[in-house]
Amino acid sequence: MDPHTEATLAPPVTAVPLPRHLLEPPQPPPGHHTSTAERGSFCLAVCSCGWTGPARRSRDLARKDAAGHATGPAAG
């Protein structure tokens, strides 16, 4: 078997930059996006940051918990 003499050399792997999404960690969405979720007969407030409010039987109280989280001092 003859060696390949006409092959072109490829650049070293370190010469090729990584795609941007591999260099920078994903950023969370700015601000807090709250909503409510139903769990059986209970309703709770949830946020895009991972926060969850207490389970409530009142949807209105769950919405108030969500609004308080989004505008309160814990929203930072």
PDB file of N, CA and C in Angstrom:
ATOM      1  N   MET A   1       0.852  -1.167   0.000  1.00  0.00           N
ATOM      2  CA  MET A   1       0.000   0.000   0.000  1.00  0.00           C
ATOM      3  C   MET A   1       0.902   1.235   0.000  1.00  0.00           C
ATOM      4  N   ASP A   2       0.649   2.156  -0.901  1.00  0.00           N
ATOM      5  CA  ASP A   2       1.468   3.355  -1.031  1.00  0.00           C
ATOM      6  C   ASP A   2       0.980   4.432  -0.065  1.00  0.00           C
ATOM      7  N   PRO A   3       1.890   5.222   0.518  1.00  0.00           N
ATOM      8  CA  PRO A   3       1.469   6.330   1.387  1.00  0.00           C
ATOM      9  C   PRO A   3       0.842   7.447   0.552  1.00  0.00           C
ATOM     10  N   HIS A   4      -0.035   8.204   1.177  1.00  0.00           N
ATOM     11  CA  HIS A   4      -0.682   9.335   0.502  1.00  0.00           C
ATOM     12  C   HIS A   4       0.319  10.478   0.435  1.00  0.00           C
ATOM     13  N   THR A   5       0.683  10.864  -0.747  1.00  0.00           N
ATOM     14  CA  THR A   5       1.656  11.939  -0.908  1.00  0.00           C
ATOM     15  C   THR A   5       1.003  13.234  -1.360  1.00  0.00           C
ATOM     16  N   GLU A   6      -0.222  13.183  -1.829  1.00  0.00           N
ATOM     17  CA  GLU A   6      -0.873  14.378  -2.343  1.00  0.00           C
ATOM     18  C   GLU A   6      -1.940  14.910  -1.383  1.00  0.00           C
ATOM     19  N   ALA A   7      -1.986  14.423  -0.180  1.00  0.00           N
ATOM     20  CA  ALA A   7      -2.991  14.880   0.789  1.00  0.00           C
ATOM     21  C   ALA A   7      -2.628  16.280   1.288  1.00  0.00           C
ATOM     22  N   THR A   8      -3.657  17.102   1.512  1.00  0.00           N
ATOM     23  CA  THR A   8      -3.422  18.427   2.069  1.00  0.00           C
ATOM     24  C   THR A   8      -3.489  18.351   3.585  1.00  0.00           C
ATOM     25  N   LEU A   9      -2.674  19.119   4.232  1.00  0.00           N
ATOM     26  CA  LEU A   9      -2.640  19.112   5.685  1.00  0.00           C
ATOM     27  C   LEU A   9      -3.814  19.911   6.245  1.00  0.00           C
ATOM     28  N   ALA A  10      -4.397  19.400   7.283  1.00  0.00           N
ATOM     29  CA  ALA A  10      -5.478  20.102   7.975  1.00  0.00           C
ATOM     30  C   ALA A  10      -4.861  20.950   9.080  1.00  0.00           C
ATOM     31  N   PRO A  11      -5.475  22.105   9.402  1.00  0.00           N
ATOM     32  CA  PRO A  11      -4.931  22.914  10.493  1.00  0.00           C
ATOM     33  C   PRO A  11      -5.095  22.169  11.821  1.00  0.00           C
ATOM     34  N   PRO A  12      -4.215  22.435  12.773  1.00  0.00           N
ATOM     35  CA  PRO A  12      -4.373  21.778  14.074  1.00  0.00           C
ATOM     36  C   PRO A  12      -5.695  22.173  14.725  1.00  0.00           C
ATOM     37  N   VAL A  13      -6.195  21.308  15.578  1.00  0.00           N
ATOM     38  CA  VAL A  13      -7.490  21.539  16.200  1.00  0.00           C
ATOM     39  C   VAL A  13      -7.482  22.833  17.006  1.00  0.00           C
ATOM     40  N   THR A  14      -6.377  23.194  17.596  1.00  0.00           N
ATOM     41  CA  THR A  14      -6.307  24.413  18.400  1.00  0.00           C
ATOM     42  C   THR A  14      -6.380  25.673  17.549  1.00  0.00           C
ATOM     43  N   ALA A  15      -6.176  25.561  16.246  1.00  0.00           N
ATOM     44  CA  ALA A  15      -6.234  26.733  15.373  1.00  0.00           C
ATOM     45  C   ALA A  15      -7.669  27.105  15.005  1.00  0.00           C
ATOM     46  N   VAL A  16      -8.604  26.192  15.199  1.00  0.00           N
ATOM     47  CA  VAL A  16      -9.999  26.443  14.854  1.00  0.00           C
ATOM     48  C   VAL A  16     -10.718  26.920  16.114  1.00  0.00           C
ATOM     49  N   PRO A  17     -11.293  28.123  16.103  1.00  0.00           N
ATOM     50  CA  PRO A  17     -11.983  28.604  17.312  1.00  0.00           C
ATOM     51  C   PRO A  17     -13.244  27.800  17.585  1.00  0.00           C
ATOM     52  N   LEU A  18     -13.559  27.666  18.859  1.00  0.00           N
ATOM     53  CA  LEU A  18     -14.790  26.984  19.261  1.00  0.00           C
ATOM     54  C   LEU A  18     -15.993  27.861  18.951  1.00  0.00           C
ATOM     55  N   PRO A  19     -17.143  27.253  18.690  1.00  0.00           N
ATOM     56  CA  PRO A  19     -18.355  28.049  18.509  1.00  0.00           C
ATOM     57  C   PRO A  19     -18.643  28.862  19.765  1.00  0.00           C
ATOM     58  N   ARG A  20     -19.233  30.013  19.578  1.00  0.00           N
ATOM     59  CA  ARG A  20     -19.470  30.946  20.684  1.00  0.00           C
ATOM     60  C   ARG A  20     -20.301  30.329  21.803  1.00  0.00           C
ATOM     61  N   HIS A  21     -21.316  29.521  21.459  1.00  0.00           N
ATOM     62  CA  HIS A  21     -22.180  28.942  22.487  1.00  0.00           C
ATOM     63  C   HIS A  21     -21.436  27.940  23.365  1.00  0.00           C
ATOM     64  N   LEU A  22     -20.282  27.431  22.921  1.00  0.00           N
ATOM     65  CA  LEU A  22     -19.493  26.529  23.755  1.00  0.00           C
ATOM     66  C   LEU A  22     -18.527  27.303  24.658  1.00  0.00           C
ATOM     67  N   LEU A  23     -18.185  28.530  24.285  1.00  0.00           N
ATOM     68  CA  LEU A  23     -17.264  29.335  25.074  1.00  0.00           C
ATOM     69  C   LEU A  23     -17.953  30.053  26.222  1.00  0.00           C
ATOM     70  N   GLU A  24     -19.174  30.529  25.995  1.00  0.00           N
ATOM     71  CA  GLU A  24     -19.885  31.317  26.997  1.00  0.00           C
ATOM     72  C   GLU A  24     -21.005  30.484  27.617  1.00  0.00           C
ATOM     73  N   PRO A  25     -21.116  30.477  28.934  1.00  0.00           N
ATOM     74  CA  PRO A  25     -22.222  29.739  29.554  1.00  0.00           C
ATOM     75  C   PRO A  25     -23.551  30.392  29.209  1.00  0.00           C
ATOM     76  N   PRO A  26     -24.619  29.610  29.134  1.00  0.00           N
ATOM     77  CA  PRO A  26     -25.928  30.203  28.811  1.00  0.00           C
ATOM     78  C   PRO A  26     -26.351  31.181  29.893  1.00  0.00           C
ATOM     79  N   GLN A  27     -26.934  32.278  29.482  1.00  0.00           N
ATOM     80  CA  GLN A  27     -27.389  33.316  30.403  1.00  0.00           C
ATOM     81  C   GLN A  27     -28.873  33.127  30.695  1.00  0.00           C
ATOM     82  N   PRO A  28     -29.278  33.266  31.958  1.00  0.00           N
ATOM     83  CA  PRO A  28     -30.704  33.168  32.260  1.00  0.00           C
ATOM     84  C   PRO A  28     -31.438  34.366  31.681  1.00  0.00           C
ATOM     85  N   PRO A  29     -32.711  34.223  31.430  1.00  0.00           N
ATOM     86  CA  PRO A  29     -33.463  35.358  30.901  1.00  0.00           C
ATOM     87  C   PRO A  29     -33.464  36.499  31.918  1.00  0.00           C
ATOM     88  N   PRO A  30     -33.379  37.753  31.452  1.00  0.00           N
ATOM     89  CA  PRO A  30     -33.361  38.872  32.384  1.00  0.00           C
ATOM     90  C   PRO A  30     -34.695  39.000  33.114  1.00  0.00           C
ATOM     91  N   GLY A  31     -34.628  39.364  34.368  1.00  0.00           N
ATOM     92  CA  GLY A  31     -35.854  39.564  35.149  1.00  0.00           C
ATOM     93  C   GLY A  31     -36.479  38.267  35.592  1.00  0.00           C
ATOM     94  N   HIS A  32     -37.582  38.403  36.251  1.00  0.00           N
ATOM     95  CA  HIS A  32     -38.328  37.257  36.750  1.00  0.00           C
ATOM     96  C   HIS A  32     -39.642  37.159  35.992  1.00  0.00           C
ATOM     97  N   HIS A  33     -39.910  35.979  35.454  1.00  0.00           N
ATOM     98  CA  HIS A  33     -41.154  35.740  34.730  1.00  0.00           C
ATOM     99  C   HIS A  33     -41.973  34.758  35.564  1.00  0.00           C
ATOM    100  N   THR A  34     -43.020  35.254  36.178  1.00  0.00           N
ATOM    101  CA  THR A  34     -43.819  34.433  37.083  1.00  0.00           C
ATOM    102  C   THR A  34     -45.112  33.987  36.438  1.00  0.00           C
ATOM    103  N   SER A  35     -45.620  32.877  36.943  1.00  0.00           N
ATOM    104  CA  SER A  35     -46.919  32.359  36.524  1.00  0.00           C
ATOM    105  C   SER A  35     -47.447  31.500  37.662  1.00  0.00           C
ATOM    106  N   THR A  36     -48.570  30.868  37.445  1.00  0.00           N
ATOM    107  CA  THR A  36     -49.121  29.969  38.456  1.00  0.00           C
ATOM    108  C   THR A  36     -49.225  28.572  37.862  1.00  0.00           C
ATOM    109  N   ALA A  37     -49.149  27.578  38.729  1.00  0.00           N
ATOM    110  CA  ALA A  37     -49.272  26.185  38.313  1.00  0.00           C
ATOM    111  C   ALA A  37     -50.260  25.485  39.231  1.00  0.00           C
ATOM    112  N   GLU A  38     -51.018  24.590  38.669  1.00  0.00           N
ATOM    113  CA  GLU A  38     -52.007  23.830  39.439  1.00  0.00           C
ATOM    114  C   GLU A  38     -51.410  22.488  39.830  1.00  0.00           C
ATOM    115  N   ARG A  39     -51.564  22.134  41.097  1.00  0.00           N
ATOM    116  CA  ARG A  39     -51.145  20.832  41.613  1.00  0.00           C
ATOM    117  C   ARG A  39     -52.332  20.249  42.387  1.00  0.00           C
ATOM    118  N   GLY A  40     -53.139  19.489  41.690  1.00  0.00           N
ATOM    119  CA  GLY A  40     -54.348  18.957  42.319  1.00  0.00           C
ATOM    120  C   GLY A  40     -55.300  20.090  42.641  1.00  0.00           C
ATOM    121  N   SER A  41     -55.720  20.176  43.911  1.00  0.00           N
ATOM    122  CA  SER A  41     -56.640  21.249  44.300  1.00  0.00           C
ATOM    123  C   SER A  41     -55.891  22.489  44.775  1.00  0.00           C
ATOM    124  N   PHE A  42     -54.565  22.500  44.614  1.00  0.00           N
ATOM    125  CA  PHE A  42     -53.756  23.639  45.054  1.00  0.00           C
ATOM    126  C   PHE A  42     -53.197  24.394  43.858  1.00  0.00           C
ATOM    127  N   CYS A  43     -52.880  25.649  44.078  1.00  0.00           N
ATOM    128  CA  CYS A  43     -52.270  26.523  43.067  1.00  0.00           C
ATOM    129  C   CYS A  43     -51.028  27.127  43.701  1.00  0.00           C
ATOM    130  N   LEU A  44     -49.941  27.195  42.954  1.00  0.00           N
ATOM    131  CA  LEU A  44     -48.739  27.820  43.496  1.00  0.00           C
ATOM    132  C   LEU A  44     -48.097  28.714  42.455  1.00  0.00           C
ATOM    133  N   ALA A  45     -47.379  29.702  42.944  1.00  0.00           N
ATOM    134  CA  ALA A  45     -46.670  30.627  42.069  1.00  0.00           C
ATOM    135  C   ALA A  45     -45.326  30.008  41.712  1.00  0.00           C
ATOM    136  N   VAL A  46     -44.910  30.141  40.462  1.00  0.00           N
ATOM    137  CA  VAL A  46     -43.608  29.664  40.004  1.00  0.00           C
ATOM    138  C   VAL A  46     -42.915  30.783  39.238  1.00  0.00           C
ATOM    139  N   CYS A  47     -41.586  30.755  39.241  1.00  0.00           N
ATOM    140  CA  CYS A  47     -40.801  31.799  38.576  1.00  0.00           C
ATOM    141  C   CYS A  47     -39.742  31.158  37.697  1.00  0.00           C
ATOM    142  N   SER A  48     -39.298  31.894  36.674  1.00  0.00           N
ATOM    143  CA  SER A  48     -38.265  31.397  35.772  1.00  0.00           C
ATOM    144  C   SER A  48     -36.921  31.221  36.474  1.00  0.00           C
ATOM    145  N   CYS A  49     -36.737  31.842  37.649  1.00  0.00           N
ATOM    146  CA  CYS A  49     -35.477  31.701  38.391  1.00  0.00           C
ATOM    147  C   CYS A  49     -35.440  30.418  39.214  1.00  0.00           C
ATOM    148  N   GLY A  50     -36.552  29.682  39.269  1.00  0.00           N
ATOM    149  CA  GLY A  50     -36.606  28.443  40.025  1.00  0.00           C
ATOM    150  C   GLY A  50     -37.382  28.551  41.326  1.00  0.00           C
ATOM    151  N   TRP A  51     -37.751  29.760  41.726  1.00  0.00           N
ATOM    152  CA  TRP A  51     -38.503  29.974  42.955  1.00  0.00           C
ATOM    153  C   TRP A  51     -39.919  29.427  42.803  1.00  0.00           C
ATOM    154  N   THR A  52     -40.442  28.849  43.869  1.00  0.00           N
ATOM    155  CA  THR A  52     -41.854  28.468  43.912  1.00  0.00           C
ATOM    156  C   THR A  52     -42.441  28.966  45.215  1.00  0.00           C
ATOM    157  N   GLY A  53     -43.653  29.445  45.142  1.00  0.00           N
ATOM    158  CA  GLY A  53     -44.344  29.928  46.321  1.00  0.00           C
ATOM    159  C   GLY A  53     -45.045  28.790  47.035  1.00  0.00           C
ATOM    160  N   PRO A  54     -45.650  29.085  48.163  1.00  0.00           N
ATOM    161  CA  PRO A  54     -46.384  28.052  48.892  1.00  0.00           C
ATOM    162  C   PRO A  54     -47.648  27.641  48.146  1.00  0.00           C
ATOM    163  N   ALA A  55     -48.060  26.395  48.374  1.00  0.00           N
ATOM    164  CA  ALA A  55     -49.293  25.903  47.758  1.00  0.00           C
ATOM    165  C   ALA A  55     -50.482  26.597  48.411  1.00  0.00           C
ATOM    166  N   ARG A  56     -51.377  27.104  47.582  1.00  0.00           N
ATOM    167  CA  ARG A  56     -52.562  27.828  48.068  1.00  0.00           C
ATOM    168  C   ARG A  56     -53.811  27.206  47.467  1.00  0.00           C
ATOM    169  N   ARG A  57     -54.897  27.305  48.188  1.00  0.00           N
ATOM    170  CA  ARG A  57     -56.178  26.892  47.607  1.00  0.00           C
ATOM    171  C   ARG A  57     -56.775  28.033  46.782  1.00  0.00           C
ATOM    172  N   SER A  58     -56.305  29.250  47.009  1.00  0.00           N
ATOM    173  CA  SER A  58     -56.809  30.426  46.308  1.00  0.00           C
ATOM    174  C   SER A  58     -55.848  30.805  45.175  1.00  0.00           C
ATOM    175  N   ARG A  59     -56.354  30.837  43.953  1.00  0.00           N
ATOM    176  CA  ARG A  59     -55.528  31.270  42.817  1.00  0.00           C
ATOM    177  C   ARG A  59     -55.116  32.733  42.979  1.00  0.00           C
ATOM    178  N   ASP A  60     -56.006  33.536  43.537  1.00  0.00           N
ATOM    179  CA  ASP A  60     -55.705  34.951  43.727  1.00  0.00           C
ATOM    180  C   ASP A  60     -54.510  35.129  44.670  1.00  0.00           C
ATOM    181  N   LEU A  61     -54.449  34.353  45.747  1.00  0.00           N
ATOM    182  CA  LEU A  61     -53.304  34.446  46.654  1.00  0.00           C
ATOM    183  C   LEU A  61     -52.014  33.984  45.972  1.00  0.00           C
ATOM    184  N   ALA A  62     -52.101  32.956  45.133  1.00  0.00           N
ATOM    185  CA  ALA A  62     -50.920  32.497  44.399  1.00  0.00           C
ATOM    186  C   ALA A  62     -50.435  33.580  43.437  1.00  0.00           C
ATOM    187  N   ARG A  63     -51.370  34.276  42.778  1.00  0.00           N
ATOM    188  CA  ARG A  63     -50.978  35.373  41.880  1.00  0.00           C
ATOM    189  C   ARG A  63     -50.325  36.510  42.674  1.00  0.00           C
ATOM    190  N   LYS A  64     -50.848  36.781  43.879  1.00  0.00           N
ATOM    191  CA  LYS A  64     -50.243  37.820  44.714  1.00  0.00           C
ATOM    192  C   LYS A  64     -48.837  37.407  45.169  1.00  0.00           C
ATOM    193  N   ASP A  65     -48.639  36.112  45.478  1.00  0.00           N
ATOM    194  CA  ASP A  65     -47.300  35.627  45.820  1.00  0.00           C
ATOM    195  C   ASP A  65     -46.336  35.851  44.643  1.00  0.00           C
ATOM    196  N   ALA A  66     -46.804  35.545  43.426  1.00  0.00           N
ATOM    197  CA  ALA A  66     -45.961  35.725  42.238  1.00  0.00           C
ATOM    198  C   ALA A  66     -45.618  37.196  42.027  1.00  0.00           C
ATOM    199  N   ALA A  67     -46.605  38.067  42.178  1.00  0.00           N
ATOM    200  CA  ALA A  67     -46.353  39.500  41.985  1.00  0.00           C
ATOM    201  C   ALA A  67     -45.394  40.016  43.052  1.00  0.00           C
ATOM    202  N   GLY A  68     -45.548  39.543  44.285  1.00  0.00           N
ATOM    203  CA  GLY A  68     -44.645  39.969  45.353  1.00  0.00           C
ATOM    204  C   GLY A  68     -43.221  39.502  45.119  1.00  0.00           C
ATOM    205  N   HIS A  69     -43.056  38.312  44.571  1.00  0.00           N
ATOM    206  CA  HIS A  69     -41.707  37.814  44.272  1.00  0.00           C
ATOM    207  C   HIS A  69     -41.066  38.627  43.147  1.00  0.00           C
ATOM    208  N   ALA A  70     -41.834  38.919  42.108  1.00  0.00           N
ATOM    209  CA  ALA A  70     -41.282  39.613  40.935  1.00  0.00           C
ATOM    210  C   ALA A  70     -40.900  41.057  41.276  1.00  0.00           C
ATOM    211  N   THR A  71     -41.549  41.676  42.248  1.00  0.00           N
ATOM    212  CA  THR A  71     -41.259  43.077  42.544  1.00  0.00           C
ATOM    213  C   THR A  71     -40.571  43.264  43.891  1.00  0.00           C
ATOM    214  N   GLY A  72     -40.510  42.220  44.698  1.00  0.00           N
ATOM    215  CA  GLY A  72     -39.959  42.340  46.042  1.00  0.00           C
ATOM    216  C   GLY A  72     -38.445  42.281  46.099  1.00  0.00           C
ATOM    217  N   PRO A  73     -37.865  42.391  47.297  1.00  0.00           N
ATOM    218  CA  PRO A  73     -36.409  42.388  47.451  1.00  0.00           C
ATOM    219  C   PRO A  73     -35.782  41.042  47.093  1.00  0.00           C
ATOM    220  N   ALA A  74     -36.533  39.939  47.099  1.00  0.00           N
ATOM    221  CA  ALA A  74     -35.969  38.648  46.733  1.00  0.00           C
ATOM    222  C   ALA A  74     -35.805  38.490  45.235  1.00  0.00           C
ATOM    223  N   ALA A  75     -36.275  39.461  44.470  1.00  0.00           N
ATOM    224  CA  ALA A  75     -36.242  39.352  43.007  1.00  0.00           C
ATOM    225  C   ALA A  75     -34.879  39.719  42.438  1.00  0.00           C
ATOM    226  N   GLY A  76     -33.871  39.934  43.216  1.00  0.00           N
ATOM    227  CA  GLY A  76     -32.574  40.353  42.710  1.00  0.00           C
ATOM    228  C   GLY A  76     -31.665  39.305  42.335  1.00  0.00           C
TER     229      GLY A  76
END
